[in-house]
């Protein structure tokens, strides 16, 4: 891969990565959207963990 084809990764002010495909199309990915899936995942785990623990405790014999 030639130096002109390599992608560029920048951290400031918003993390992003940009490169060009072999046919010349510019592709970029910005980190500003990264908090959305991370927040969603955190919410799912925060809800699922207590529910799972409650179900395990209910099924345990002798409790």
N, C-alpha and C. Protein backbone atom coordinates (compact mmCIF):
# COMPACT_ATOMS: atom_id res chain seq x y z
N UNK A 1 0.84 -1.17 0.00
CA UNK A 1 0.00 0.00 0.00
C UNK A 1 0.89 1.23 0.00
N UNK A 2 0.68 2.12 -0.93
CA UNK A 2 1.50 3.33 -1.02
C UNK A 2 1.11 4.32 0.08
N UNK A 3 2.02 5.21 0.46
CA UNK A 3 1.72 6.19 1.51
C UNK A 3 0.48 7.03 1.22
N UNK A 4 0.20 7.33 -0.05
CA UNK A 4 -0.97 8.15 -0.37
C UNK A 4 -2.27 7.38 -0.16
N UNK A 5 -2.22 6.07 -0.10
CA UNK A 5 -3.41 5.25 0.08
C UNK A 5 -3.70 4.95 1.55
N UNK A 6 -2.75 5.20 2.42
CA UNK A 6 -2.95 4.88 3.83
C UNK A 6 -4.00 5.79 4.44
N UNK A 7 -4.71 5.24 5.42
CA UNK A 7 -5.71 6.03 6.11
C UNK A 7 -5.07 6.96 7.11
N UNK A 8 -5.80 8.01 7.44
CA UNK A 8 -5.32 8.96 8.42
C UNK A 8 -6.19 8.86 9.66
N UNK A 9 -5.55 8.80 10.81
CA UNK A 9 -6.27 8.74 12.07
C UNK A 9 -5.91 9.97 12.87
N UNK A 10 -6.93 10.72 13.29
CA UNK A 10 -6.71 11.93 14.08
C UNK A 10 -7.53 11.84 15.36
N UNK A 11 -6.99 12.40 16.45
CA UNK A 11 -7.67 12.37 17.73
C UNK A 11 -8.33 13.70 18.11
N UNK A 12 -7.83 14.79 17.59
CA UNK A 12 -8.35 16.09 18.02
C UNK A 12 -9.08 16.79 16.91
N UNK A 13 -10.14 17.54 17.13
CA UNK A 13 -10.92 17.62 18.35
C UNK A 13 -11.87 16.45 18.50
N UNK A 14 -12.25 15.82 17.38
CA UNK A 14 -13.11 14.64 17.41
C UNK A 14 -12.36 13.51 16.73
N UNK A 15 -12.26 12.33 17.37
CA UNK A 15 -11.54 11.22 16.73
C UNK A 15 -12.18 10.85 15.39
N UNK A 16 -11.35 10.70 14.38
CA UNK A 16 -11.87 10.23 13.11
C UNK A 16 -10.80 9.49 12.33
N UNK A 17 -11.27 8.71 11.36
CA UNK A 17 -10.39 7.94 10.49
C UNK A 17 -10.91 8.14 9.08
N UNK A 18 -10.02 8.47 8.16
CA UNK A 18 -10.45 8.61 6.77
C UNK A 18 -9.44 7.95 5.84
N UNK A 19 -9.94 7.40 4.76
CA UNK A 19 -9.10 6.73 3.77
C UNK A 19 -9.83 6.73 2.43
N UNK A 20 -9.18 6.22 1.42
CA UNK A 20 -9.80 6.08 0.10
C UNK A 20 -9.78 4.61 -0.32
N UNK A 21 -10.86 4.19 -0.93
CA UNK A 21 -10.95 2.83 -1.43
C UNK A 21 -10.12 2.72 -2.71
N UNK A 22 -9.88 1.50 -3.19
CA UNK A 22 -9.10 1.33 -4.42
C UNK A 22 -9.71 2.06 -5.64
N UNK A 23 -11.04 2.24 -5.67
CA UNK A 23 -11.64 2.94 -6.81
C UNK A 23 -11.73 4.45 -6.59
N UNK A 24 -11.16 4.97 -5.47
CA UNK A 24 -11.07 6.40 -5.26
C UNK A 24 -12.13 7.02 -4.36
N UNK A 25 -13.06 6.23 -3.87
CA UNK A 25 -14.10 6.74 -2.99
C UNK A 25 -13.52 7.06 -1.62
N UNK A 26 -13.86 8.22 -1.10
CA UNK A 26 -13.37 8.61 0.23
C UNK A 26 -14.29 8.03 1.30
N UNK A 27 -13.70 7.38 2.29
CA UNK A 27 -14.44 6.78 3.39
C UNK A 27 -13.92 7.37 4.69
N UNK A 28 -14.84 7.82 5.54
CA UNK A 28 -14.40 8.36 6.83
C UNK A 28 -15.34 7.88 7.93
N UNK A 29 -14.78 7.76 9.11
CA UNK A 29 -15.53 7.32 10.28
C UNK A 29 -15.17 8.27 11.41
N UNK A 30 -16.17 8.89 12.00
CA UNK A 30 -15.91 9.85 13.06
C UNK A 30 -16.33 9.26 14.40
N UNK A 31 -15.57 9.59 15.42
CA UNK A 31 -15.81 9.05 16.76
C UNK A 31 -16.91 9.72 17.54
N UNK A 32 -17.51 10.78 17.00
CA UNK A 32 -18.55 11.48 17.76
C UNK A 32 -19.75 10.58 18.00
N UNK A 33 -19.98 9.59 17.17
CA UNK A 33 -21.11 8.69 17.33
C UNK A 33 -20.79 7.51 18.24
N UNK A 34 -19.53 7.34 18.60
CA UNK A 34 -19.13 6.22 19.43
C UNK A 34 -19.83 6.19 20.78
N UNK A 35 -20.06 7.31 21.45
CA UNK A 35 -20.76 7.25 22.73
C UNK A 35 -22.17 6.69 22.67
N UNK A 36 -22.84 6.79 21.53
CA UNK A 36 -24.21 6.28 21.43
C UNK A 36 -24.28 4.77 21.63
N UNK A 37 -23.53 3.95 20.86
CA UNK A 37 -23.61 2.51 21.10
C UNK A 37 -23.04 2.11 22.46
N UNK A 38 -22.03 2.83 22.94
CA UNK A 38 -21.48 2.51 24.26
C UNK A 38 -22.51 2.80 25.35
N UNK A 39 -23.22 3.90 25.22
CA UNK A 39 -24.28 4.23 26.19
C UNK A 39 -25.41 3.22 26.15
N UNK A 40 -25.77 2.79 24.95
CA UNK A 40 -26.83 1.78 24.80
C UNK A 40 -26.40 0.47 25.43
N UNK A 41 -25.17 0.05 25.16
CA UNK A 41 -24.66 -1.19 25.74
C UNK A 41 -24.62 -1.11 27.26
N UNK A 42 -24.18 0.02 27.79
CA UNK A 42 -24.13 0.22 29.24
C UNK A 42 -25.53 0.13 29.84
N UNK A 43 -26.52 0.72 29.18
CA UNK A 43 -27.90 0.67 29.67
C UNK A 43 -28.44 -0.76 29.68
N UNK A 44 -28.16 -1.48 28.62
CA UNK A 44 -28.64 -2.87 28.54
C UNK A 44 -28.01 -3.71 29.64
N UNK A 45 -26.72 -3.56 29.86
CA UNK A 45 -26.04 -4.32 30.91
C UNK A 45 -26.55 -3.90 32.29
N UNK A 46 -26.77 -2.60 32.49
CA UNK A 46 -27.25 -2.11 33.78
C UNK A 46 -28.63 -2.66 34.12
N UNK A 47 -29.45 -2.91 33.12
CA UNK A 47 -30.78 -3.48 33.35
C UNK A 47 -30.73 -5.00 33.41
N UNK A 48 -29.96 -5.62 32.53
CA UNK A 48 -29.94 -7.08 32.43
C UNK A 48 -29.26 -7.73 33.63
N UNK A 49 -28.21 -7.14 34.17
CA UNK A 49 -27.48 -7.77 35.27
C UNK A 49 -28.36 -7.96 36.51
N UNK A 50 -29.06 -6.94 37.01
CA UNK A 50 -29.92 -7.17 38.18
C UNK A 50 -31.06 -8.14 37.91
N UNK A 51 -31.62 -8.09 36.70
CA UNK A 51 -32.71 -9.02 36.36
C UNK A 51 -32.19 -10.45 36.35
N UNK A 52 -31.04 -10.67 35.76
CA UNK A 52 -30.43 -12.00 35.72
C UNK A 52 -30.13 -12.51 37.12
N UNK A 53 -29.56 -11.67 37.96
CA UNK A 53 -29.27 -12.07 39.33
C UNK A 53 -30.55 -12.40 40.10
N UNK A 54 -31.59 -11.64 39.90
CA UNK A 54 -32.87 -11.91 40.57
C UNK A 54 -33.44 -13.25 40.12
N UNK A 55 -33.36 -13.54 38.84
CA UNK A 55 -33.87 -14.83 38.34
C UNK A 55 -33.05 -16.00 38.88
N UNK A 56 -31.75 -15.85 38.96
CA UNK A 56 -30.90 -16.91 39.51
C UNK A 56 -31.24 -17.16 40.96
N UNK A 57 -31.43 -16.10 41.72
CA UNK A 57 -31.76 -16.25 43.15
C UNK A 57 -33.12 -16.90 43.34
N UNK A 58 -34.07 -16.61 42.48
CA UNK A 58 -35.42 -17.21 42.60
C UNK A 58 -35.38 -18.70 42.31
N UNK A 59 -34.53 -19.13 41.40
CA UNK A 59 -34.46 -20.55 41.01
C UNK A 59 -33.66 -21.39 41.97
N UNK A 60 -32.87 -20.76 42.79
CA UNK A 60 -32.00 -21.50 43.73
C UNK A 60 -32.86 -22.20 44.79
N UNK A 61 -32.76 -23.52 44.92
CA UNK A 61 -33.57 -24.24 45.92
C UNK A 61 -33.09 -23.91 47.34
N UNK A 62 -34.04 -23.81 48.25
CA UNK A 62 -33.69 -23.57 49.64
C UNK A 62 -33.51 -22.10 49.98
N UNK A 63 -33.83 -21.21 49.05
CA UNK A 63 -33.68 -19.77 49.34
C UNK A 63 -34.97 -19.19 49.84
